[in-house]
Amino acid sequence: MPRSAAPLLLVLTSLLGLTACGGQAGAAASDGRPTSTNDPRFLPLAAYDMPDGDSRTVSRARWTLATECMVRLGFDSLKSLAVDPVPAWPERPANTGVLTAVLYADDDFRYGIEDPEQAARYGYQAARAAYERRYPEKKWTLPQYLALTGQFVGDDPKTVHGHRIPERGCLGEADRAIYGTNPQERTNPVLDLETKSLQQGMKDPAWKKVNKAWSACMVKAGYHYATPRDAEIGEDRTRKELEERLTEHRRDTTEPSALEKKTAVADARCKQQTGYLRTVHTVDVRIQYRLIAKNRTKLEEERRWERAAARRAQDLLGD
């Protein structure tokens, strides 16, 4: 499935050690995607992603079916829930005894922050900002959230209004109607290979060399990080930001701090000055072509599976 500004919801609880992930289909790079290998947005594996139009169809069908399911479970107020655009992926309500960390993945930021102006505005949270622009936020009650997602923690009730919540909630029920199974239970070869491409690319001599050039540039700007990933994670910066927030009693802990923004700006500028993006993209593209050649059968199967799901989604919307 496409990964344009898509959230990965990680639900953490110290008592149970449970994790749960959710996904939201966003706009894919497969419709009108760049065809030039010189374009940093070009990724060979994107050809096997679900096209933009199909992705929107599947998302609308998923939420249409999920809404019908929610009404069936007794949530009559959701009859008029807007599904175009679809809502943001449900997040567990705050103050329900569970810490929820939301990580955002976006192919536009595959190599990290690139634009100094964007970095000055969003820090390292541009993917989150892009997602929030694309999908309207909706607050859910805990019963609604549980009924939608089926992501139970501890003693969460498994029924609502006298009805048993479906496996993986109403969204899971909708996915099974569209895909025949829950996509989360399958290995997506596109995602798998894109991850492998990055892992292999970071071991490439050219990638390592440009990391060193970027790091030297960052030292001149007053920052000491070996790689852009280290700067984005920024454990030393995180500690300082936490101290600032506790001291200043900042209300919005999701807003990037001034320190994060300054670091991200330096990061983006050093990428530009060292030719970082051009180098790592060239390596990434070369490795992706090699992985495609070795895994073409699995990738073609995935593309057929996605196309069949899009056809079923269109039929369901038609009905």
C-alpha atoms as a PDB file:
ATOM      1  CA  MET A   1       0.000   0.000   0.000  1.00  0.00           C
ATOM      2  CA  PRO A   2       1.215   3.549  -0.590  1.00  0.00           C
ATOM      3  CA  ARG A   3       3.072   5.371   2.105  1.00  0.00           C
ATOM      4  CA  SER A   4       2.601   9.050   1.507  1.00  0.00           C
ATOM      5  CA  ALA A   5       2.419  10.623   4.954  1.00  0.00           C
ATOM      6  CA  ALA A   6       1.061   7.456   6.500  1.00  0.00           C
ATOM      7  CA  PRO A   7       1.030   6.918  10.259  1.00  0.00           C
ATOM      8  CA  LEU A   8       2.358   3.914  12.097  1.00  0.00           C
ATOM      9  CA  LEU A   9       0.564   3.846  15.421  1.00  0.00           C
ATOM     10  CA  LEU A  10       2.585   2.261  18.174  1.00  0.00           C
ATOM     11  CA  VAL A  11       0.566   1.633  21.322  1.00  0.00           C
ATOM     12  CA  LEU A  12       2.755   1.088  24.356  1.00  0.00           C
ATOM     13  CA  THR A  13       1.914  -0.038  27.849  1.00  0.00           C
ATOM     14  CA  SER A  14       4.515  -0.721  30.497  1.00  0.00           C
ATOM     15  CA  LEU A  15       2.316  -3.302  32.217  1.00  0.00           C
ATOM     16  CA  LEU A  16       1.417  -5.491  29.269  1.00  0.00           C
ATOM     17  CA  GLY A  17       4.151  -4.697  26.789  1.00  0.00           C
ATOM     18  CA  LEU A  18       1.667  -4.734  23.947  1.00  0.00           C
ATOM     19  CA  THR A  19       2.173  -3.141  20.560  1.00  0.00           C
ATOM     20  CA  ALA A  20      -0.359  -2.433  17.862  1.00  0.00           C
ATOM     21  CA  CYS A  21       0.028  -0.893  14.451  1.00  0.00           C
ATOM     22  CA  GLY A  22      -2.434   0.798  12.170  1.00  0.00           C
ATOM     23  CA  GLY A  23      -2.153   2.194   8.677  1.00  0.00           C
ATOM     24  CA  GLN A  24      -3.814   4.773   6.511  1.00  0.00           C
ATOM     25  CA  ALA A  25      -3.576   4.706   2.753  1.00  0.00           C
ATOM     26  CA  GLY A  26      -2.352   7.995   1.394  1.00  0.00           C
ATOM     27  CA  ALA A  27      -1.580   9.282  -2.079  1.00  0.00           C
ATOM     28  CA  ALA A  28       0.765   6.977  -3.922  1.00  0.00           C
ATOM     29  CA  ALA A  29       3.653   7.824  -6.164  1.00  0.00           C
ATOM     30  CA  SER A  30       2.339   5.348  -8.725  1.00  0.00           C
ATOM     31  CA  ASP A  31       0.046   7.721 -10.645  1.00  0.00           C
ATOM     32  CA  GLY A  32       2.030  10.293 -12.576  1.00  0.00           C
ATOM     33  CA  ARG A  33       5.127   9.222 -10.694  1.00  0.00           C
ATOM     34  CA  PRO A  34       8.504  10.610 -11.777  1.00  0.00           C
ATOM     35  CA  THR A  35      10.101   8.582 -14.548  1.00  0.00           C
ATOM     36  CA  SER A  36      13.552  10.162 -14.515  1.00  0.00           C
ATOM     37  CA  THR A  37      16.171   8.486 -12.352  1.00  0.00           C
ATOM     38  CA  ASN A  38      17.561  11.973 -11.721  1.00  0.00           C
ATOM     39  CA  ASP A  39      14.385  12.991  -9.899  1.00  0.00           C
ATOM     40  CA  PRO A  40      14.888  12.322  -6.148  1.00  0.00           C
ATOM     41  CA  ARG A  41      11.227  11.308  -5.907  1.00  0.00           C
ATOM     42  CA  PHE A  42      11.765   8.474  -8.380  1.00  0.00           C
ATOM     43  CA  LEU A  43      11.796   5.025  -6.772  1.00  0.00           C
ATOM     44  CA  PRO A  44      11.718   1.931  -9.022  1.00  0.00           C
ATOM     45  CA  LEU A  45       9.759  -0.066  -6.436  1.00  0.00           C
ATOM     46  CA  ALA A  46       6.966   2.527  -6.498  1.00  0.00           C
ATOM     47  CA  ALA A  47       5.837   0.988  -9.776  1.00  0.00           C
ATOM     48  CA  TYR A  48       4.476  -1.894  -7.708  1.00  0.00           C
ATOM     49  CA  ASP A  49       2.546   0.328  -5.281  1.00  0.00           C
ATOM     50  CA  MET A  50      -1.177   0.902  -5.535  1.00  0.00           C
ATOM     51  CA  PRO A  51      -1.905   3.849  -7.874  1.00  0.00           C
ATOM     52  CA  ASP A  52      -3.253   7.062  -6.418  1.00  0.00           C
ATOM     53  CA  GLY A  53      -6.760   6.686  -7.780  1.00  0.00           C
ATOM     54  CA  ASP A  54      -7.046   3.081  -6.591  1.00  0.00           C
ATOM     55  CA  SER A  55      -5.740   4.088  -3.174  1.00  0.00           C
ATOM     56  CA  ARG A  56      -8.453   6.708  -2.771  1.00  0.00           C
ATOM     57  CA  THR A  57     -11.089   4.207  -3.873  1.00  0.00           C
ATOM     58  CA  VAL A  58      -9.918   1.622  -1.341  1.00  0.00           C
ATOM     59  CA  SER A  59      -9.775   4.205   1.454  1.00  0.00           C
ATOM     60  CA  ARG A  60     -13.307   5.423   0.738  1.00  0.00           C
ATOM     61  CA  ALA A  61     -14.624   1.857   0.562  1.00  0.00           C
ATOM     62  CA  ARG A  62     -12.878   0.937   3.818  1.00  0.00           C
ATOM     63  CA  TRP A  63     -14.395   3.864   5.690  1.00  0.00           C
ATOM     64  CA  THR A  64     -17.806   3.467   4.057  1.00  0.00           C
ATOM     65  CA  LEU A  65     -17.981  -0.153   5.202  1.00  0.00           C
ATOM     66  CA  ALA A  66     -16.531   0.695   8.600  1.00  0.00           C
ATOM     67  CA  THR A  67     -19.150   3.395   9.102  1.00  0.00           C
ATOM     68  CA  GLU A  68     -21.930   0.940   8.250  1.00  0.00           C
ATOM     69  CA  CYS A  69     -20.418  -1.474  10.761  1.00  0.00           C
ATOM     70  CA  MET A  70     -20.256   1.221  13.448  1.00  0.00           C
ATOM     71  CA  VAL A  71     -23.907   2.087  12.922  1.00  0.00           C
ATOM     72  CA  ARG A  72     -24.731  -1.608  13.189  1.00  0.00           C
ATOM     73  CA  LEU A  73     -22.899  -1.644  16.538  1.00  0.00           C
ATOM     74  CA  GLY A  74     -25.086   1.169  17.810  1.00  0.00           C
ATOM     75  CA  PHE A  75     -23.187   4.355  16.905  1.00  0.00           C
ATOM     76  CA  ASP A  76     -26.072   6.026  15.065  1.00  0.00           C
ATOM     77  CA  SER A  77     -24.381   9.443  15.189  1.00  0.00           C
ATOM     78  CA  LEU A  78     -21.795   8.208  12.668  1.00  0.00           C
ATOM     79  CA  LYS A  79     -24.340   7.704   9.873  1.00  0.00           C
ATOM     80  CA  SER A  80     -23.272  10.995   8.320  1.00  0.00           C
ATOM     81  CA  LEU A  81     -19.510  10.563   8.819  1.00  0.00           C
ATOM     82  CA  ALA A  82     -17.686  12.164   5.879  1.00  0.00           C
ATOM     83  CA  VAL A  83     -15.438   9.725   4.017  1.00  0.00           C
ATOM     84  CA  ASP A  84     -14.125  11.937   1.206  1.00  0.00           C
ATOM     85  CA  PRO A  85     -11.500  12.745   2.268  1.00  0.00           C
ATOM     86  CA  VAL A  86     -11.368   9.908   4.753  1.00  0.00           C
ATOM     87  CA  PRO A  87     -10.642  10.735   8.392  1.00  0.00           C
ATOM     88  CA  ALA A  88      -7.188  10.399   9.866  1.00  0.00           C
ATOM     89  CA  TRP A  89      -6.432   6.941  11.224  1.00  0.00           C
ATOM     90  CA  PRO A  90      -8.053   6.658  14.676  1.00  0.00           C
ATOM     91  CA  GLU A  91      -5.880   7.375  17.692  1.00  0.00           C
ATOM     92  CA  ARG A  92      -6.678   6.089  21.141  1.00  0.00           C
ATOM     93  CA  PRO A  93      -8.082   8.901  23.310  1.00  0.00           C
ATOM     94  CA  ALA A  94      -5.677  10.490  25.755  1.00  0.00           C
ATOM     95  CA  ASN A  95      -5.871   9.683  29.453  1.00  0.00           C
ATOM     96  CA  THR A  96      -7.015   6.096  28.924  1.00  0.00           C
ATOM     97  CA  GLY A  97      -3.998   4.501  30.595  1.00  0.00           C
ATOM     98  CA  VAL A  98      -1.986   3.890  27.433  1.00  0.00           C
ATOM     99  CA  LEU A  99       0.874   5.859  25.921  1.00  0.00           C
ATOM    100  CA  THR A 100       0.481   6.127  22.155  1.00  0.00           C
ATOM    101  CA  ALA A 101       3.441   7.094  19.993  1.00  0.00           C
ATOM    102  CA  VAL A 102       2.647   7.977  16.382  1.00  0.00           C
ATOM    103  CA  LEU A 103       5.378   7.647  13.767  1.00  0.00           C
ATOM    104  CA  TYR A 104       4.805   8.997  10.254  1.00  0.00           C
ATOM    105  CA  ALA A 105       6.289   7.512   7.096  1.00  0.00           C
ATOM    106  CA  ASP A 106       6.387   9.453   3.836  1.00  0.00           C
ATOM    107  CA  ASP A 107       8.314   8.589   0.688  1.00  0.00           C
ATOM    108  CA  ASP A 108       8.950  12.305   0.134  1.00  0.00           C
ATOM    109  CA  PHE A 109      11.188  12.197   3.220  1.00  0.00           C
ATOM    110  CA  ARG A 110      12.871   8.877   2.529  1.00  0.00           C
ATOM    111  CA  TYR A 111      16.280  10.505   2.956  1.00  0.00           C
ATOM    112  CA  GLY A 112      15.207  12.868   5.693  1.00  0.00           C
ATOM    113  CA  ILE A 113      14.491  16.581   5.604  1.00  0.00           C
ATOM    114  CA  GLU A 114      15.792  18.226   2.433  1.00  0.00           C
ATOM    115  CA  ASP A 115      14.397  21.760   2.237  1.00  0.00           C
ATOM    116  CA  PRO A 116      15.771  24.369   4.705  1.00  0.00           C
ATOM    117  CA  GLU A 117      12.565  26.424   4.523  1.00  0.00           C
ATOM    118  CA  GLN A 118      10.469  23.368   5.300  1.00  0.00           C
ATOM    119  CA  ALA A 119      12.864  22.473   8.107  1.00  0.00           C
ATOM    120  CA  ALA A 120      12.530  25.963   9.591  1.00  0.00           C
ATOM    121  CA  ARG A 121       8.759  25.524   9.730  1.00  0.00           C
ATOM    122  CA  TYR A 122       8.326  21.875  10.700  1.00  0.00           C
ATOM    123  CA  GLY A 123      11.664  20.697  12.030  1.00  0.00           C
ATOM    124  CA  TYR A 124      11.727  16.935  11.537  1.00  0.00           C
ATOM    125  CA  GLN A 125       7.937  16.692  11.565  1.00  0.00           C
ATOM    126  CA  ALA A 126       7.156  17.554   7.954  1.00  0.00           C
ATOM    127  CA  ALA A 127       5.736  14.071   7.316  1.00  0.00           C
ATOM    128  CA  ARG A 128       3.296  14.527  10.187  1.00  0.00           C
ATOM    129  CA  ALA A 129       2.301  17.953   8.882  1.00  0.00           C
ATOM    130  CA  ALA A 130       1.721  16.538   5.396  1.00  0.00           C
ATOM    131  CA  TYR A 131      -0.471  13.784   6.818  1.00  0.00           C
ATOM    132  CA  GLU A 132      -2.523  16.216   8.888  1.00  0.00           C
ATOM    133  CA  ARG A 133      -3.107  18.386   5.811  1.00  0.00           C
ATOM    134  CA  ARG A 134      -4.317  15.374   3.860  1.00  0.00           C
ATOM    135  CA  TYR A 135      -6.618  13.771   6.423  1.00  0.00           C
ATOM    136  CA  PRO A 136      -9.094  15.576   8.713  1.00  0.00           C
ATOM    137  CA  GLU A 137      -8.530  14.859  12.396  1.00  0.00           C
ATOM    138  CA  LYS A 138     -11.441  13.383  14.318  1.00  0.00           C
ATOM    139  CA  LYS A 139     -11.582  12.773  18.054  1.00  0.00           C
ATOM    140  CA  TRP A 140     -13.030   9.420  19.056  1.00  0.00           C
ATOM    141  CA  THR A 141     -14.430   8.229  22.353  1.00  0.00           C
ATOM    142  CA  LEU A 142     -12.814   5.090  23.751  1.00  0.00           C
ATOM    143  CA  PRO A 143     -15.821   2.885  22.812  1.00  0.00           C
ATOM    144  CA  GLN A 144     -15.739   4.285  19.273  1.00  0.00           C
ATOM    145  CA  TYR A 145     -11.981   3.771  19.008  1.00  0.00           C
ATOM    146  CA  LEU A 146     -12.193   0.181  20.226  1.00  0.00           C
ATOM    147  CA  ALA A 147     -15.074  -0.588  17.888  1.00  0.00           C
ATOM    148  CA  LEU A 148     -13.207   0.901  14.923  1.00  0.00           C
ATOM    149  CA  THR A 149      -9.800  -0.677  15.529  1.00  0.00           C
ATOM    150  CA  GLY A 150     -10.248  -3.652  17.855  1.00  0.00           C
ATOM    151  CA  GLN A 151      -6.956  -2.644  19.466  1.00  0.00           C
ATOM    152  CA  PHE A 152      -7.643  -3.767  23.011  1.00  0.00           C
ATOM    153  CA  VAL A 153      -5.337  -3.202  25.946  1.00  0.00           C
ATOM    154  CA  GLY A 154      -5.768  -4.832  29.347  1.00  0.00           C
ATOM    155  CA  ASP A 155      -9.402  -4.900  30.451  1.00  0.00           C
ATOM    156  CA  ASP A 156     -10.795  -2.976  27.477  1.00  0.00           C
ATOM    157  CA  PRO A 157     -14.332  -4.230  26.770  1.00  0.00           C
ATOM    158  CA  LYS A 158     -14.677  -6.520  23.747  1.00  0.00           C
ATOM    159  CA  THR A 159     -18.334  -5.602  23.265  1.00  0.00           C
ATOM    160  CA  VAL A 160     -20.217  -2.353  22.732  1.00  0.00           C
ATOM    161  CA  HIS A 161     -23.971  -1.696  23.027  1.00  0.00           C
ATOM    162  CA  GLY A 162     -24.436  -5.424  23.486  1.00  0.00           C
ATOM    163  CA  HIS A 163     -22.606  -6.294  20.242  1.00  0.00           C
ATOM    164  CA  ARG A 164     -19.275  -8.090  20.004  1.00  0.00           C
ATOM    165  CA  ILE A 165     -16.592  -5.987  18.308  1.00  0.00           C
ATOM    166  CA  PRO A 166     -15.289  -7.673  15.123  1.00  0.00           C
ATOM    167  CA  GLU A 167     -11.696  -8.845  14.876  1.00  0.00           C
ATOM    168  CA  ARG A 168      -9.534  -5.764  14.311  1.00  0.00           C
ATOM    169  CA  GLY A 169     -12.691  -3.694  14.689  1.00  0.00           C
ATOM    170  CA  CYS A 170     -14.925  -2.303  11.986  1.00  0.00           C
ATOM    171  CA  LEU A 171     -11.940  -1.157   9.948  1.00  0.00           C
ATOM    172  CA  GLY A 172     -10.582  -4.708  10.035  1.00  0.00           C
ATOM    173  CA  GLU A 173     -13.942  -6.077   8.953  1.00  0.00           C
ATOM    174  CA  ALA A 174     -13.922  -3.616   6.049  1.00  0.00           C
ATOM    175  CA  ASP A 175     -10.396  -4.627   5.058  1.00  0.00           C
ATOM    176  CA  ARG A 176     -11.400  -8.289   4.945  1.00  0.00           C
ATOM    177  CA  ALA A 177     -14.308  -7.423   2.657  1.00  0.00           C
ATOM    178  CA  ILE A 178     -11.954  -5.550   0.315  1.00  0.00           C
ATOM    179  CA  TYR A 179      -8.766  -7.614   0.495  1.00  0.00           C
ATOM    180  CA  GLY A 180     -10.098 -10.989   1.620  1.00  0.00           C
ATOM    181  CA  THR A 181      -7.793 -10.767   4.627  1.00  0.00           C
ATOM    182  CA  ASN A 182      -6.248  -8.118   6.846  1.00  0.00           C
ATOM    183  CA  PRO A 183      -3.338  -6.450   5.005  1.00  0.00           C
ATOM    184  CA  GLN A 184      -1.429  -6.203   8.301  1.00  0.00           C
ATOM    185  CA  GLU A 185      -1.229  -9.998   8.386  1.00  0.00           C
ATOM    186  CA  ARG A 186       0.590 -10.184   5.041  1.00  0.00           C
ATOM    187  CA  THR A 187       4.175  -9.364   4.237  1.00  0.00           C
ATOM    188  CA  ASN A 188       4.210  -6.507   1.749  1.00  0.00           C
ATOM    189  CA  PRO A 189       7.193  -7.188  -0.549  1.00  0.00           C
ATOM    190  CA  VAL A 190       7.334  -3.541  -1.665  1.00  0.00           C
ATOM    191  CA  LEU A 191       7.732  -2.279   1.880  1.00  0.00           C
ATOM    192  CA  ASP A 192      10.119  -5.111   2.690  1.00  0.00           C
ATOM    193  CA  LEU A 193      12.353  -4.430  -0.299  1.00  0.00           C
ATOM    194  CA  GLU A 194      12.305  -0.660   0.171  1.00  0.00           C
ATOM    195  CA  THR A 195      13.562  -1.212   3.696  1.00  0.00           C
ATOM    196  CA  LYS A 196      16.224  -3.631   2.475  1.00  0.00           C
ATOM    197  CA  SER A 197      17.304  -1.111  -0.148  1.00  0.00           C
ATOM    198  CA  LEU A 198      17.953   1.494   2.519  1.00  0.00           C
ATOM    199  CA  GLN A 199      19.746  -1.000   4.747  1.00  0.00           C
ATOM    200  CA  GLN A 200      21.992  -2.147   1.925  1.00  0.00           C
ATOM    201  CA  GLY A 201      22.472   1.378   0.634  1.00  0.00           C
ATOM    202  CA  MET A 202      23.809   2.641   3.956  1.00  0.00           C
ATOM    203  CA  LYS A 203      26.597   0.051   3.674  1.00  0.00           C
ATOM    204  CA  ASP A 204      27.591   1.272   0.212  1.00  0.00           C
ATOM    205  CA  PRO A 205      30.971   3.086   0.096  1.00  0.00           C
ATOM    206  CA  ALA A 206      29.474   6.082  -1.735  1.00  0.00           C
ATOM    207  CA  TRP A 207      26.729   6.420   0.896  1.00  0.00           C
ATOM    208  CA  LYS A 208      29.253   6.159   3.734  1.00  0.00           C
ATOM    209  CA  LYS A 209      31.478   8.750   2.080  1.00  0.00           C
ATOM    210  CA  VAL A 210      28.704  11.313   1.688  1.00  0.00           C
ATOM    211  CA  ASN A 211      27.637  10.668   5.300  1.00  0.00           C
ATOM    212  CA  LYS A 212      31.134  11.717   6.364  1.00  0.00           C
ATOM    213  CA  ALA A 213      30.969  14.839   4.204  1.00  0.00           C
ATOM    214  CA  TRP A 214      27.562  15.708   5.659  1.00  0.00           C
ATOM    215  CA  SER A 215      28.839  15.090   9.205  1.00  0.00           C
ATOM    216  CA  ALA A 216      31.847  17.373   8.639  1.00  0.00           C
ATOM    217  CA  CYS A 217      29.501  20.081   7.375  1.00  0.00           C
ATOM    218  CA  MET A 218      27.336  19.693  10.488  1.00  0.00           C
ATOM    219  CA  VAL A 219      30.394  20.043  12.735  1.00  0.00           C
ATOM    220  CA  LYS A 220      31.092  23.417  11.169  1.00  0.00           C
ATOM    221  CA  ALA A 221      27.510  24.399  12.008  1.00  0.00           C
ATOM    222  CA  GLY A 222      28.025  23.309  15.618  1.00  0.00           C
ATOM    223  CA  TYR A 223      26.386  19.863  15.549  1.00  0.00           C
ATOM    224  CA  HIS A 224      28.008  16.476  16.064  1.00  0.00           C
ATOM    225  CA  TYR A 225      26.126  13.702  14.296  1.00  0.00           C
ATOM    226  CA  ALA A 226      27.521  10.856  12.219  1.00  0.00           C
ATOM    227  CA  THR A 227      24.467  10.545   9.961  1.00  0.00           C
ATOM    228  CA  PRO A 228      21.257  12.440   9.184  1.00  0.00           C
ATOM    229  CA  ARG A 229      19.323   9.687  10.950  1.00  0.00           C
ATOM    230  CA  ASP A 230      21.262  10.422  14.141  1.00  0.00           C
ATOM    231  CA  ALA A 231      20.331  14.088  13.850  1.00  0.00           C
ATOM    232  CA  GLU A 232      16.666  13.267  13.301  1.00  0.00           C
ATOM    233  CA  ILE A 233      16.507  10.978  16.328  1.00  0.00           C
ATOM    234  CA  GLY A 234      18.575  13.520  18.263  1.00  0.00           C
ATOM    235  CA  GLU A 235      18.738  11.873  21.684  1.00  0.00           C
ATOM    236  CA  ASP A 236      20.833  14.713  23.089  1.00  0.00           C
ATOM    237  CA  ARG A 237      18.422  17.255  21.633  1.00  0.00           C
ATOM    238  CA  THR A 238      15.436  15.343  22.990  1.00  0.00           C
ATOM    239  CA  ARG A 239      16.742  15.641  26.530  1.00  0.00           C
ATOM    240  CA  LYS A 240      17.274  19.381  26.181  1.00  0.00           C
ATOM    241  CA  GLU A 241      13.828  19.836  24.633  1.00  0.00           C
ATOM    242  CA  LEU A 242      12.202  17.920  27.484  1.00  0.00           C
ATOM    243  CA  GLU A 243      13.949  20.130  30.008  1.00  0.00           C
ATOM    244  CA  GLU A 244      12.792  23.235  28.126  1.00  0.00           C
ATOM    245  CA  ARG A 245       9.204  22.016  27.995  1.00  0.00           C
ATOM    246  CA  LEU A 246       9.136  21.179  31.696  1.00  0.00           C
ATOM    247  CA  THR A 247      10.622  24.567  32.534  1.00  0.00           C
ATOM    248  CA  GLU A 248       8.406  26.562  30.198  1.00  0.00           C
ATOM    249  CA  HIS A 249       5.241  24.444  30.780  1.00  0.00           C
ATOM    250  CA  ARG A 250       4.684  24.236  27.049  1.00  0.00           C
ATOM    251  CA  ARG A 251       1.208  22.953  26.233  1.00  0.00           C
ATOM    252  CA  ASP A 252       1.798  21.486  22.779  1.00  0.00           C
ATOM    253  CA  THR A 253       4.526  18.861  23.010  1.00  0.00           C
ATOM    254  CA  THR A 254       4.013  17.886  19.343  1.00  0.00           C
ATOM    255  CA  GLU A 255       5.133  21.296  18.093  1.00  0.00           C
ATOM    256  CA  PRO A 256       8.821  21.176  17.070  1.00  0.00           C
ATOM    257  CA  SER A 257      11.065  23.121  19.390  1.00  0.00           C
ATOM    258  CA  ALA A 258      13.327  25.954  18.268  1.00  0.00           C
ATOM    259  CA  LEU A 259      16.299  23.636  18.790  1.00  0.00           C
ATOM    260  CA  GLU A 260      14.776  20.943  16.591  1.00  0.00           C
ATOM    261  CA  LYS A 261      14.071  23.459  13.840  1.00  0.00           C
ATOM    262  CA  LYS A 262      17.615  24.858  13.938  1.00  0.00           C
ATOM    263  CA  THR A 263      19.086  21.364  13.773  1.00  0.00           C
ATOM    264  CA  ALA A 264      16.838  20.404  10.872  1.00  0.00           C
ATOM    265  CA  VAL A 265      17.749  23.565   8.951  1.00  0.00           C
ATOM    266  CA  ALA A 266      21.460  22.812   9.362  1.00  0.00           C
ATOM    267  CA  ASP A 267      20.798  19.222   8.321  1.00  0.00           C
ATOM    268  CA  ALA A 268      18.982  20.253   5.125  1.00  0.00           C
ATOM    269  CA  ARG A 269      21.613  22.850   4.227  1.00  0.00           C
ATOM    270  CA  CYS A 270      24.425  20.349   4.668  1.00  0.00           C
ATOM    271  CA  LYS A 271      22.581  17.876   2.454  1.00  0.00           C
ATOM    272  CA  GLN A 272      22.449  20.535  -0.242  1.00  0.00           C
ATOM    273  CA  GLN A 273      26.071  21.601   0.175  1.00  0.00           C
ATOM    274  CA  THR A 274      27.464  18.053   0.044  1.00  0.00           C
ATOM    275  CA  GLY A 275      25.277  16.663  -2.748  1.00  0.00           C
ATOM    276  CA  TYR A 276      23.946  14.162  -0.236  1.00  0.00           C
ATOM    277  CA  LEU A 277      20.557  13.634  -1.843  1.00  0.00           C
ATOM    278  CA  ARG A 278      21.924  13.020  -5.327  1.00  0.00           C
ATOM    279  CA  THR A 279      24.438  10.472  -4.032  1.00  0.00           C
ATOM    280  CA  VAL A 280      22.171   8.395  -1.803  1.00  0.00           C
ATOM    281  CA  HIS A 281      19.330   8.455  -4.333  1.00  0.00           C
ATOM    282  CA  THR A 282      21.622   7.089  -7.037  1.00  0.00           C
ATOM    283  CA  VAL A 283      22.686   4.252  -4.739  1.00  0.00           C
ATOM    284  CA  ASP A 284      19.096   3.570  -3.673  1.00  0.00           C
ATOM    285  CA  VAL A 285      17.814   3.388  -7.259  1.00  0.00           C
ATOM    286  CA  ARG A 286      20.610   1.018  -8.295  1.00  0.00           C
ATOM    287  CA  ILE A 287      19.881  -1.326  -5.389  1.00  0.00           C
ATOM    288  CA  GLN A 288      16.134  -1.218  -5.969  1.00  0.00           C
ATOM    289  CA  TYR A 289      16.540  -2.290  -9.596  1.00  0.00           C
ATOM    290  CA  ARG A 290      18.688  -5.198  -8.407  1.00  0.00           C
ATOM    291  CA  LEU A 291      16.114  -6.213  -5.777  1.00  0.00           C
ATOM    292  CA  ILE A 292      13.286  -5.993  -8.325  1.00  0.00           C
ATOM    293  CA  ALA A 293      15.136  -8.349 -10.669  1.00  0.00           C
ATOM    294  CA  LYS A 294      15.505 -10.897  -7.859  1.00  0.00           C
ATOM    295  CA  ASN A 295      11.951 -10.574  -6.557  1.00  0.00           C
ATOM    296  CA  ARG A 296       9.866  -9.853  -9.633  1.00  0.00           C
ATOM    297  CA  THR A 297       7.456 -12.759  -9.093  1.00  0.00           C
ATOM    298  CA  LYS A 298       6.527 -11.639  -5.561  1.00  0.00           C
ATOM    299  CA  LEU A 299       6.180  -8.042  -6.690  1.00  0.00           C
ATOM    300  CA  GLU A 300       3.897  -8.959  -9.590  1.00  0.00           C
ATOM    301  CA  GLU A 301       1.756 -11.025  -7.219  1.00  0.00           C
ATOM    302  CA  GLU A 302       1.482  -8.044  -4.879  1.00  0.00           C
ATOM    303  CA  ARG A 303       0.453  -5.775  -7.752  1.00  0.00           C
ATOM    304  CA  ARG A 304      -2.252  -8.228  -8.845  1.00  0.00           C
ATOM    305  CA  TRP A 305      -3.492  -8.507  -5.245  1.00  0.00           C
ATOM    306  CA  GLU A 306      -3.699  -4.727  -4.912  1.00  0.00           C
ATOM    307  CA  ARG A 307      -5.500  -4.377  -8.248  1.00  0.00           C
ATOM    308  CA  ALA A 308      -8.053  -7.023  -7.259  1.00  0.00           C
ATOM    309  CA  ALA A 309      -8.663  -5.166  -3.985  1.00  0.00           C
ATOM    310  CA  ALA A 310      -9.206  -1.912  -5.874  1.00  0.00           C
ATOM    311  CA  ARG A 311     -11.755  -3.596  -8.147  1.00  0.00           C
ATOM    312  CA  ARG A 312     -13.624  -5.031  -5.153  1.00  0.00           C
ATOM    313  CA  ALA A 313     -13.554  -1.626  -3.459  1.00  0.00           C
ATOM    314  CA  GLN A 314     -15.058  -0.025  -6.552  1.00  0.00           C
ATOM    315  CA  ASP A 315     -17.758  -2.696  -6.704  1.00  0.00           C
ATOM    316  CA  LEU A 316     -18.567  -2.214  -3.018  1.00  0.00           C
ATOM    317  CA  LEU A 317     -18.890   1.535  -3.491  1.00  0.00           C
ATOM    318  CA  GLY A 318     -21.116   0.903  -6.492  1.00  0.00           C
ATOM    319  CA  ASP A 319     -23.379  -1.316  -4.418  1.00  0.00           C
END
